[in-house]
Amino acid sequence: MEEKERHQKLIETLAIALKLETEGKALFLQAASETKSKLAKQTFEFLANEEDKHIENIKLFYDTLVDSDMEQLPDLEDSKADEKLESFNLMLESLREGFEPSSTDVEAYKMALKFENGAETFYADQLEGAVDPKIIKFYKWLEAEETMHSRLINSCLKFVENPTEWFEKRNKS
């Protein structure tokens, strides 16, 4: 693929990524407003805030590329996905008492998981064709973030469906 074509594809991919993250934020905000439990509301608000960070980084990447006429790429920080997931799971542990899940929450988590899995696949596909180290790092960052979101939603789903089992597994690890 010619350099100019590769740059055009990258710009198009970033536009798709920006749309994807914007849709994710809207989806999570809607879920936060419709779910019943405090946990689900906090989860979806957290995810919406995460999407804001992704949008900001995608815009930075896009603007730097366009402003430099495709000559420069920003260098992003490493993903702190594992730390964020662990912090979130610690918050789940604090909800041991007084937690009452609803079927609305379960459905919202399943819908969110489907969305995040799609985003994760999209970024993994983009990573396969990347050649520039900074672009590879960027897609790895996005993929790690989406993977963390999927793991976080899975954790919440398991917590909601069977809190006793969730705590047993958590205490063993």
Protein backbone atom coordinates (compact mmCIF):
# COMPACT_ATOMS: atom_id res chain seq x y z
CA MET A 1 0.00 0.00 0.00
CA GLU A 2 1.30 3.41 -0.97
CA GLU A 3 2.20 5.91 1.80
CA LYS A 4 -0.56 8.35 0.82
CA GLU A 5 -3.17 5.55 0.82
CA ARG A 6 -1.95 4.34 4.21
CA HIS A 7 -2.29 7.88 5.63
CA GLN A 8 -5.80 8.24 4.19
CA LYS A 9 -6.81 4.89 5.66
CA LEU A 10 -5.44 5.94 9.05
CA ILE A 11 -7.42 9.21 8.95
CA GLU A 12 -10.59 7.29 8.02
CA THR A 13 -9.97 4.75 10.77
CA LEU A 14 -9.52 7.50 13.35
CA ALA A 15 -12.83 9.05 12.23
CA ILE A 16 -14.52 5.66 12.71
CA ALA A 17 -12.84 5.26 16.10
CA LEU A 18 -14.04 8.70 17.16
CA LYS A 19 -17.60 7.82 16.12
CA LEU A 20 -17.37 4.48 17.92
CA GLU A 21 -16.20 6.07 21.17
CA THR A 22 -18.84 8.82 20.94
CA GLU A 23 -21.56 6.21 20.44
CA GLY A 24 -20.17 4.25 23.39
CA LYS A 25 -20.34 7.29 25.63
CA ALA A 26 -23.97 7.94 24.63
CA LEU A 27 -24.83 4.29 25.19
CA PHE A 28 -23.27 4.27 28.66
CA LEU A 29 -24.93 7.53 29.69
CA GLN A 30 -28.29 6.19 28.59
CA ALA A 31 -27.69 2.94 30.51
CA ALA A 32 -26.67 4.96 33.59
CA SER A 33 -29.95 6.85 33.47
CA GLU A 34 -32.06 3.72 33.00
CA THR A 35 -30.50 1.21 35.40
CA LYS A 36 -31.86 0.78 38.89
CA SER A 37 -28.91 -0.04 41.11
CA LYS A 38 -26.23 2.31 42.33
CA LEU A 39 -23.58 -0.14 41.10
CA ALA A 40 -24.88 -0.15 37.52
CA LYS A 41 -25.22 3.62 37.50
CA GLN A 42 -21.64 4.04 38.78
CA THR A 43 -20.34 1.46 36.31
CA PHE A 44 -21.90 3.15 33.30
CA GLU A 45 -20.87 6.63 34.43
CA PHE A 46 -17.31 5.35 34.86
CA LEU A 47 -17.39 3.84 31.36
CA ALA A 48 -18.78 7.08 29.88
CA ASN A 49 -15.89 8.99 31.49
CA GLU A 50 -13.47 6.45 30.07
CA GLU A 51 -14.90 7.05 26.60
CA ASP A 52 -14.21 10.78 27.08
CA LYS A 53 -10.53 9.93 27.63
CA HIS A 54 -10.50 7.79 24.49
CA ILE A 55 -12.16 10.57 22.48
CA GLU A 56 -9.58 13.05 23.74
CA ASN A 57 -6.66 10.80 22.74
CA ILE A 58 -8.14 9.99 19.34
CA LYS A 59 -8.63 13.70 18.67
CA LEU A 60 -5.05 14.40 19.78
CA PHE A 61 -3.76 11.69 17.48
CA TYR A 62 -5.92 12.90 14.58
CA ASP A 63 -5.10 16.60 15.06
CA THR A 64 -1.37 15.94 15.35
CA LEU A 65 -1.43 13.93 12.12
CA VAL A 66 -3.41 16.52 10.20
CA ASP A 67 -1.57 19.56 11.59
CA SER A 68 1.83 18.04 10.78
CA ASP A 69 0.77 16.91 7.30
CA MET A 70 1.17 13.28 8.40
CA GLU A 71 4.75 13.85 9.59
CA GLN A 72 4.26 13.55 13.36
CA LEU A 73 2.47 11.22 15.71
CA PRO A 74 1.92 11.92 19.40
CA ASP A 75 3.35 9.56 21.96
CA LEU A 76 0.67 8.36 24.38
CA GLU A 77 1.11 7.14 27.92
CA ASP A 78 0.78 3.42 28.55
CA SER A 79 -2.67 2.13 29.44
CA LYS A 80 -3.35 1.78 33.14
CA ALA A 81 -6.14 -0.70 32.37
CA ASP A 82 -5.18 -3.37 34.93
CA GLU A 83 -4.89 -0.79 37.72
CA LYS A 84 -8.29 0.69 36.85
CA LEU A 85 -9.89 -2.77 36.79
CA GLU A 86 -8.43 -3.69 40.17
CA SER A 87 -9.60 -0.40 41.65
CA PHE A 88 -13.08 -1.01 40.29
CA ASN A 89 -13.18 -4.55 41.70
CA LEU A 90 -12.19 -3.18 45.10
CA MET A 91 -15.17 -0.84 44.86
CA LEU A 92 -17.38 -3.87 44.09
CA GLU A 93 -16.11 -5.57 47.23
CA SER A 94 -17.33 -2.61 49.28
CA LEU A 95 -20.88 -3.30 48.10
CA ARG A 96 -21.14 -6.63 49.89
CA GLU A 97 -24.06 -5.49 52.02
CA GLY A 98 -27.28 -4.00 50.71
CA PHE A 99 -26.81 -4.86 47.04
CA GLU A 100 -29.95 -5.73 45.10
CA PRO A 101 -29.47 -6.44 41.40
CA SER A 102 -32.26 -6.10 38.86
CA SER A 103 -32.90 -7.77 35.52
CA THR A 104 -32.59 -4.32 33.92
CA ASP A 105 -29.00 -4.15 35.17
CA VAL A 106 -28.18 -7.60 33.78
CA GLU A 107 -29.54 -6.69 30.35
CA ALA A 108 -27.68 -3.37 30.37
CA TYR A 109 -24.41 -5.14 31.21
CA LYS A 110 -24.94 -7.69 28.44
CA MET A 111 -25.63 -4.94 25.91
CA ALA A 112 -22.56 -2.98 27.06
CA LEU A 113 -20.41 -6.10 26.85
CA LYS A 114 -21.50 -6.70 23.28
CA PHE A 115 -20.58 -3.11 22.39
CA GLU A 116 -17.18 -3.29 24.08
CA ASN A 117 -16.35 -6.62 22.45
CA GLY A 118 -17.08 -5.05 19.07
CA ALA A 119 -14.80 -2.09 19.82
CA GLU A 120 -12.08 -4.42 21.05
CA THR A 121 -12.27 -6.43 17.80
CA PHE A 122 -12.20 -3.25 15.70
CA TYR A 123 -8.98 -2.03 17.36
CA ALA A 124 -7.39 -5.50 17.19
CA ASP A 125 -8.12 -5.56 13.44
CA GLN A 126 -6.53 -2.13 13.00
CA LEU A 127 -3.49 -3.23 14.95
CA GLU A 128 -2.89 -6.10 12.52
CA GLY A 129 -2.30 -3.72 9.61
CA ALA A 130 -0.28 -1.09 11.47
CA VAL A 131 3.43 -0.66 10.71
CA ASP A 132 4.50 2.56 12.44
CA PRO A 133 5.55 1.91 16.08
CA LYS A 134 3.55 4.89 17.40
CA ILE A 135 0.42 3.78 15.54
CA ILE A 136 0.93 0.25 16.87
CA LYS A 137 1.27 1.65 20.39
CA PHE A 138 -1.88 3.75 19.90
CA TYR A 139 -3.97 0.77 18.77
CA LYS A 140 -2.53 -1.39 21.56
CA TRP A 141 -3.55 1.32 24.04
CA LEU A 142 -7.09 1.42 22.66
CA GLU A 143 -7.33 -2.37 22.58
CA ALA A 144 -6.08 -2.62 26.19
CA GLU A 145 -8.63 -0.05 27.30
CA GLU A 146 -11.50 -1.86 25.56
CA THR A 147 -10.34 -5.21 26.94
CA MET A 148 -10.34 -3.69 30.42
CA HIS A 149 -13.88 -2.41 29.86
CA SER A 150 -15.00 -5.89 28.78
CA ARG A 151 -13.36 -7.44 31.84
CA LEU A 152 -14.92 -4.81 34.08
CA ILE A 153 -18.40 -5.39 32.64
CA ASN A 154 -17.92 -9.16 32.91
CA SER A 155 -16.95 -8.72 36.54
CA CYS A 156 -20.06 -6.65 37.20
CA LEU A 157 -22.24 -9.15 35.37
CA LYS A 158 -20.84 -12.04 37.43
CA PHE A 159 -21.25 -9.96 40.59
CA VAL A 160 -24.89 -9.20 39.77
CA GLU A 161 -25.75 -12.74 38.71
CA ASN A 162 -24.05 -14.50 41.63
CA PRO A 163 -22.43 -12.24 44.26
CA THR A 164 -21.47 -15.16 46.53
CA GLU A 165 -19.52 -16.88 43.76
CA TRP A 166 -17.94 -13.56 42.74
CA PHE A 167 -16.63 -12.99 46.30
CA GLU A 168 -15.39 -16.59 46.59
CA LYS A 169 -13.39 -16.30 43.35
CA ARG A 170 -12.11 -12.87 44.32
CA ASN A 171 -10.87 -14.12 47.70
CA LYS A 172 -9.03 -17.05 46.04
CA SER A 173 -7.07 -14.83 43.66
